[in-house]
Amino acid sequence: MRPNLIRGLVVFCAAARYLSFKMAASDLCITPSAVSHQIKSLEDLVGAPLFERRTRAIVLTPLGAALHSQTSPLLRSLDAVTTSFLAQATERRVLRITLPPFFASEMLIPRLHQFTKTHPALDIRVETSEDKDTDFPSQGDAAVMLLASEPTGYHVNPLFKLRLVPACSPKLAKEQDLSDPTKLADCTLIIHRSRREAWQDWFGAIKLTLESQPRIIELDSMFAVARAAEQGLGVALVPMPLANAWLQSGALLQLFETSLDTGERYYFVHRLKDENDPDIVTLSKWIAATCAEHE
């Protein structure tokens, strides 16, 4: 196709519709001289006049009328196709993802603006669930799941292992001089109800047997565990790297270097049929990179 031919035909059809170079120029947001130039170039290309220039008006020549009758429907069709593709390109798309609550609040939500800024046409719908059932959520496009082994039957992207470290408020650490693990026997220990044996396992990891049984506060959410420790109610085992922000802000103080490997790992999971879905692949790669950066 010759350069600028479509542009010339668009200008020609506008001039033929209005029978006015001035009105065509106004409709196309160009100058009348530009319209005149495009028409002259098109007439040079076909080798004959397309308009008869009169004193106060223009009329189509027989050749111009024939060209207009054939090109006008084609341009309308082309405009409809372009509009349709533009609508698809700008159509907002929705991804529904199910996350463990503490993962959502500490890893995803503080950084979600980075993703939405880069992918403005993609809306993320987040649901949270403490359910550790290995079944994929019935509603949703993807999930982050905390499991002891990699699930089968899905497309899986491993993220990071769950480790627990002892932490408390800086004030409590100072008041009770918690520089030695044996001092924990005189503290209140905070634990998530799904991990009742975690403190026992942590003491086993450092080969320490306490002479007395510490007081225990058991809570049903990891956010509540971290908040209770921040408020000075006791010492908690908090998950890393999800608790990084609490430690970096000074709200919590990690007491000892030894961490408890829970044997569990977070996985980004989606259905095999969506393996090549560009939106899910994009979200999966972003979550994996985000987790790797903050691990």
Protein backbone atom coordinates (compact mmCIF):
# COMPACT_ATOMS: atom_id res chain seq x y z
CA MET A 1 0.00 0.00 0.00
CA ARG A 2 1.29 3.45 -0.93
CA PRO A 3 2.42 5.67 1.97
CA ASN A 4 -0.27 7.93 3.45
CA LEU A 5 -2.94 6.44 1.12
CA ILE A 6 -5.32 5.67 3.98
CA ARG A 7 -4.81 9.14 5.45
CA GLY A 8 -5.61 10.66 2.07
CA LEU A 9 -8.76 8.53 1.73
CA VAL A 10 -9.93 9.51 5.22
CA VAL A 11 -9.53 13.18 4.34
CA PHE A 12 -11.21 12.66 0.97
CA CYS A 13 -14.24 10.90 2.51
CA ALA A 14 -14.64 13.64 5.11
CA ALA A 15 -14.57 16.29 2.38
CA ALA A 16 -17.03 14.26 0.27
CA ARG A 17 -19.37 13.85 3.25
CA TYR A 18 -19.48 17.57 4.05
CA LEU A 19 -18.77 18.86 0.52
CA SER A 20 -16.55 21.38 2.29
CA PHE A 21 -12.81 21.43 2.86
CA LYS A 22 -13.33 23.73 5.84
CA MET A 23 -15.83 21.47 7.59
CA ALA A 24 -13.71 18.40 6.85
CA ALA A 25 -10.72 20.18 8.39
CA SER A 26 -12.74 21.00 11.52
CA ASP A 27 -13.92 17.39 11.84
CA LEU A 28 -10.41 15.99 11.44
CA CYS A 29 -8.73 18.70 13.58
CA ILE A 30 -6.40 19.78 10.78
CA THR A 31 -6.17 22.94 8.67
CA PRO A 32 -8.16 23.53 5.44
CA SER A 33 -4.87 23.82 3.56
CA ALA A 34 -3.89 20.37 4.83
CA VAL A 35 -7.18 19.00 3.51
CA SER A 36 -6.57 20.65 0.17
CA HIS A 37 -3.05 19.22 0.05
CA GLN A 38 -4.26 15.67 0.81
CA ILE A 39 -6.99 15.89 -1.87
CA LYS A 40 -4.52 17.22 -4.45
CA SER A 41 -2.08 14.36 -3.68
CA LEU A 42 -4.90 11.81 -4.07
CA GLU A 43 -6.00 13.38 -7.36
CA ASP A 44 -2.42 13.24 -8.62
CA LEU A 45 -2.32 9.58 -7.63
CA VAL A 46 -5.53 8.62 -9.52
CA GLY A 47 -4.73 10.98 -12.38
CA ALA A 48 -8.06 12.84 -12.46
CA PRO A 49 -10.03 15.41 -10.41
CA LEU A 50 -12.19 14.08 -7.58
CA PHE A 51 -13.94 17.39 -6.89
CA GLU A 52 -15.22 20.15 -9.11
CA ARG A 53 -14.17 23.42 -7.47
CA ARG A 54 -16.85 26.07 -7.80
CA THR A 55 -16.92 29.64 -6.50
CA ARG A 56 -18.63 28.93 -3.18
CA ALA A 57 -18.77 25.13 -3.10
CA ILE A 58 -17.27 21.84 -4.20
CA VAL A 59 -19.07 18.90 -5.78
CA LEU A 60 -17.90 15.37 -6.47
CA THR A 61 -16.94 14.45 -10.00
CA PRO A 62 -18.29 11.12 -11.30
CA LEU A 63 -14.92 9.54 -10.45
CA GLY A 64 -14.98 11.12 -6.98
CA ALA A 65 -18.52 9.85 -6.34
CA ALA A 66 -17.54 6.32 -7.37
CA LEU A 67 -14.41 6.40 -5.18
CA HIS A 68 -16.44 7.71 -2.22
CA SER A 69 -19.14 5.03 -2.58
CA GLN A 70 -16.53 2.25 -2.48
CA THR A 71 -14.04 3.56 0.08
CA SER A 72 -16.43 4.99 2.67
CA PRO A 73 -17.78 1.54 3.78
CA LEU A 74 -14.24 0.16 3.92
CA LEU A 75 -13.07 2.99 6.17
CA ARG A 76 -16.06 2.51 8.47
CA SER A 77 -15.25 -1.19 8.71
CA LEU A 78 -11.59 -0.42 9.41
CA ASP A 79 -12.60 2.05 12.11
CA ALA A 80 -14.86 -0.56 13.74
CA VAL A 81 -12.05 -3.15 13.77
CA THR A 82 -9.61 -0.65 15.27
CA THR A 83 -12.12 0.42 17.91
CA SER A 84 -12.76 -3.22 18.84
CA PHE A 85 -9.06 -3.97 19.28
CA LEU A 86 -8.51 -0.81 21.31
CA ALA A 87 -11.39 -1.80 23.57
CA GLN A 88 -9.85 -5.22 24.12
CA ALA A 89 -6.47 -3.68 24.84
CA THR A 90 -7.86 -1.29 27.44
CA GLU A 91 -10.48 -3.62 28.94
CA ARG A 92 -9.92 -4.10 32.65
CA ARG A 93 -9.13 -7.68 33.56
CA VAL A 94 -9.63 -9.24 36.98
CA LEU A 95 -7.49 -11.83 38.77
CA ARG A 96 -8.79 -13.42 41.96
CA ILE A 97 -6.15 -14.76 44.32
CA THR A 98 -6.52 -16.47 47.69
CA LEU A 99 -3.80 -15.87 50.28
CA PRO A 100 -3.02 -16.72 53.90
CA PRO A 101 -3.95 -13.60 55.92
CA PHE A 102 -0.46 -12.81 57.28
CA PHE A 103 1.09 -13.31 53.83
CA ALA A 104 -1.49 -10.91 52.40
CA SER A 105 -1.01 -8.22 55.06
CA GLU A 106 2.78 -8.36 55.32
CA MET A 107 4.07 -9.44 51.89
CA LEU A 108 1.49 -8.63 49.22
CA ILE A 109 -0.62 -5.64 50.24
CA PRO A 110 2.26 -3.27 51.18
CA ARG A 111 3.73 -3.81 47.70
CA LEU A 112 0.61 -4.28 45.60
CA HIS A 113 0.72 -0.65 44.40
CA GLN A 114 3.96 -1.50 42.58
CA PHE A 115 2.18 -4.20 40.60
CA THR A 116 -0.94 -2.15 39.84
CA LYS A 117 1.17 0.80 38.74
CA THR A 118 3.00 -1.38 36.23
CA HIS A 119 -0.15 -3.24 35.12
CA PRO A 120 -2.94 -0.63 35.30
CA ALA A 121 -5.45 -2.69 33.29
CA LEU A 122 -5.29 -5.64 35.69
CA ASP A 123 -7.42 -5.61 38.84
CA ILE A 124 -6.46 -7.89 41.73
CA ARG A 125 -9.17 -9.33 43.96
CA VAL A 126 -7.66 -10.68 47.18
CA GLU A 127 -9.35 -13.17 49.48
CA THR A 128 -7.71 -14.49 52.63
CA SER A 129 -8.06 -17.91 54.20
CA GLU A 130 -6.36 -19.75 57.07
CA ASP A 131 -7.48 -23.06 55.60
CA LYS A 132 -4.45 -25.28 54.97
CA ASP A 133 -6.39 -27.86 53.02
CA THR A 134 -4.39 -28.87 49.95
CA ASP A 135 -7.45 -28.47 47.69
CA PHE A 136 -7.19 -25.49 45.39
CA PRO A 137 -9.76 -22.78 46.25
CA SER A 138 -12.94 -23.40 44.26
CA GLN A 139 -13.28 -19.68 43.56
CA GLY A 140 -10.26 -17.86 42.22
CA ASP A 141 -7.60 -17.91 39.56
CA ALA A 142 -4.56 -18.47 41.76
CA ALA A 143 -3.55 -19.01 45.36
CA VAL A 144 -0.58 -18.82 47.69
CA MET A 145 -0.63 -21.93 49.84
CA LEU A 146 1.46 -22.89 52.87
CA LEU A 147 2.11 -26.62 52.63
CA ALA A 148 4.48 -29.29 53.91
CA SER A 149 5.03 -30.62 50.37
CA GLU A 150 4.52 -29.40 46.83
CA PRO A 151 0.95 -29.96 45.64
CA THR A 152 0.33 -32.08 42.57
CA GLY A 153 -2.05 -31.52 39.70
CA TYR A 154 -1.39 -27.77 39.52
CA HIS A 155 1.17 -25.42 38.10
CA VAL A 156 3.37 -24.60 41.10
CA ASN A 157 5.95 -21.89 41.73
CA PRO A 158 7.81 -22.44 45.06
CA LEU A 159 8.32 -19.23 47.03
CA PHE A 160 10.10 -19.52 50.39
CA LYS A 161 10.36 -21.75 53.47
CA LEU A 162 8.53 -20.74 56.62
CA ARG A 163 10.90 -20.14 59.54
CA LEU A 164 9.92 -19.01 63.04
CA VAL A 165 12.09 -16.80 65.24
CA PRO A 166 11.54 -15.64 68.86
CA ALA A 167 10.69 -11.96 69.13
CA CYS A 168 9.16 -9.53 71.61
CA SER A 169 8.90 -5.82 72.25
CA PRO A 170 12.24 -4.07 72.92
CA LYS A 171 10.81 -2.87 76.25
CA LEU A 172 10.04 -6.40 77.42
CA ALA A 173 13.46 -7.65 76.33
CA LYS A 174 15.12 -4.94 78.41
CA GLU A 175 12.89 -5.31 81.47
CA GLN A 176 13.33 -9.09 81.69
CA ASP A 177 16.93 -9.20 80.43
CA LEU A 178 16.17 -11.77 77.74
CA SER A 179 19.77 -12.18 76.65
CA ASP A 180 19.74 -15.89 77.44
CA PRO A 181 17.18 -18.48 76.23
CA THR A 182 16.88 -19.94 79.74
CA LYS A 183 15.19 -16.67 80.80
CA LEU A 184 12.24 -17.61 78.58
CA ALA A 185 11.09 -20.01 81.30
CA ASP A 186 9.94 -16.99 83.31
CA CYS A 187 8.17 -15.36 80.34
CA THR A 188 4.77 -15.70 78.79
CA LEU A 189 5.15 -17.45 75.45
CA ILE A 190 2.76 -16.56 72.62
CA ILE A 191 1.87 -19.11 69.99
CA HIS A 192 -0.51 -19.61 67.06
CA ARG A 193 -3.08 -22.26 67.86
CA SER A 194 -2.15 -24.27 64.75
CA ARG A 195 1.43 -24.57 66.04
CA ARG A 196 1.03 -25.64 69.64
CA GLU A 197 4.29 -27.61 69.55
CA ALA A 198 6.37 -24.85 67.94
CA TRP A 199 7.97 -23.55 71.15
CA GLN A 200 8.83 -27.08 72.23
CA ASP A 201 10.40 -27.69 68.81
CA TRP A 202 12.35 -24.42 69.03
CA PHE A 203 13.77 -25.32 72.44
CA GLY A 204 14.66 -28.72 71.00
CA ALA A 205 16.51 -27.00 68.14
CA ILE A 206 18.77 -25.22 70.64
CA LYS A 207 18.95 -28.35 72.85
CA LEU A 208 17.43 -26.64 75.86
CA THR A 209 15.16 -28.28 78.43
CA LEU A 210 13.27 -25.87 80.64
CA GLU A 211 12.90 -26.73 84.29
CA SER A 212 9.43 -25.19 84.51
CA GLN A 213 6.55 -24.81 82.10
CA PRO A 214 6.20 -21.19 80.85
CA ARG A 215 2.84 -19.46 80.68
CA ILE A 216 1.22 -19.72 77.24
CA ILE A 217 -1.02 -17.35 75.27
CA GLU A 218 -2.60 -19.09 72.30
CA LEU A 219 -4.09 -16.97 69.50
CA ASP A 220 -5.90 -17.85 66.30
CA SER A 221 -4.15 -15.54 63.84
CA MET A 222 -0.53 -14.72 63.14
CA PHE A 223 -1.31 -11.01 63.08
CA ALA A 224 -2.71 -11.32 66.61
CA VAL A 225 0.44 -13.20 67.67
CA ALA A 226 2.70 -10.42 66.35
CA ARG A 227 0.50 -7.68 67.81
CA ALA A 228 0.43 -9.33 71.24
CA ALA A 229 4.23 -9.52 71.23
CA GLU A 230 4.46 -5.89 70.13
CA GLN A 231 2.23 -4.90 73.06
CA GLY A 232 4.58 -6.60 75.52
CA LEU A 233 2.32 -9.52 76.43
CA GLY A 234 5.11 -12.03 75.95
CA VAL A 235 7.58 -13.58 73.54
CA ALA A 236 6.25 -14.93 70.25
CA LEU A 237 7.52 -17.14 67.50
CA VAL A 238 6.97 -15.01 64.40
CA PRO A 239 7.33 -16.10 60.76
CA MET A 240 10.23 -14.98 58.63
CA PRO A 241 10.53 -13.24 56.27
CA LEU A 242 6.91 -12.12 56.72
CA ALA A 243 7.72 -10.38 60.02
CA ASN A 244 10.60 -8.38 58.51
CA ALA A 245 8.67 -5.10 58.64
CA TRP A 246 7.91 -5.55 62.34
CA LEU A 247 11.61 -6.14 63.08
CA GLN A 248 12.93 -3.40 60.81
CA SER A 249 10.55 -0.83 62.29
CA GLY A 250 11.63 -1.69 65.83
CA ALA A 251 8.13 -2.82 66.84
CA LEU A 252 9.61 -6.25 67.53
CA LEU A 253 13.09 -7.36 68.49
CA GLN A 254 14.45 -10.74 67.38
CA LEU A 255 15.95 -12.26 70.52
CA PHE A 256 18.09 -15.10 69.17
CA GLU A 257 19.54 -16.10 65.83
CA THR A 258 18.27 -19.67 65.90
CA SER A 259 15.18 -20.13 63.77
CA LEU A 260 12.79 -23.05 63.61
CA ASP A 261 12.40 -24.59 60.15
CA THR A 262 8.75 -25.62 60.11
CA GLY A 263 9.23 -27.90 57.11
CA GLU A 264 6.57 -25.91 55.28
CA ARG A 265 6.88 -23.69 52.25
CA TYR A 266 4.75 -21.10 50.51
CA TYR A 267 3.76 -21.97 46.94
CA PHE A 268 2.12 -19.90 44.21
CA VAL A 269 -0.42 -22.26 42.65
CA HIS A 270 -2.74 -22.08 39.66
CA ARG A 271 -4.54 -24.52 37.40
CA LEU A 272 -2.68 -26.34 34.65
CA LYS A 273 -5.12 -25.08 32.01
CA ASP A 274 -4.00 -21.52 32.82
CA GLU A 275 -0.32 -22.31 32.33
CA ASN A 276 -0.02 -19.86 29.44
CA ASP A 277 -2.45 -17.23 30.71
CA PRO A 278 -0.36 -14.03 30.41
CA ASP A 279 -1.99 -12.32 33.40
CA ILE A 280 -1.47 -15.25 35.76
CA VAL A 281 2.09 -15.78 34.53
CA THR A 282 2.81 -12.07 35.09
CA LEU A 283 1.41 -12.16 38.63
CA SER A 284 3.27 -15.38 39.43
CA LYS A 285 6.61 -13.95 38.31
CA TRP A 286 6.01 -10.71 40.23
CA ILE A 287 5.10 -12.48 43.47
CA ALA A 288 8.11 -14.81 43.15
CA ALA A 289 10.47 -11.87 42.54
CA THR A 290 8.95 -9.90 45.41
CA CYS A 291 9.36 -12.82 47.82
CA ALA A 292 12.95 -13.45 46.69
CA GLU A 293 13.80 -9.78 47.18
CA HIS A 294 12.50 -9.70 50.75
CA GLU A 295 13.53 -13.16 51.89
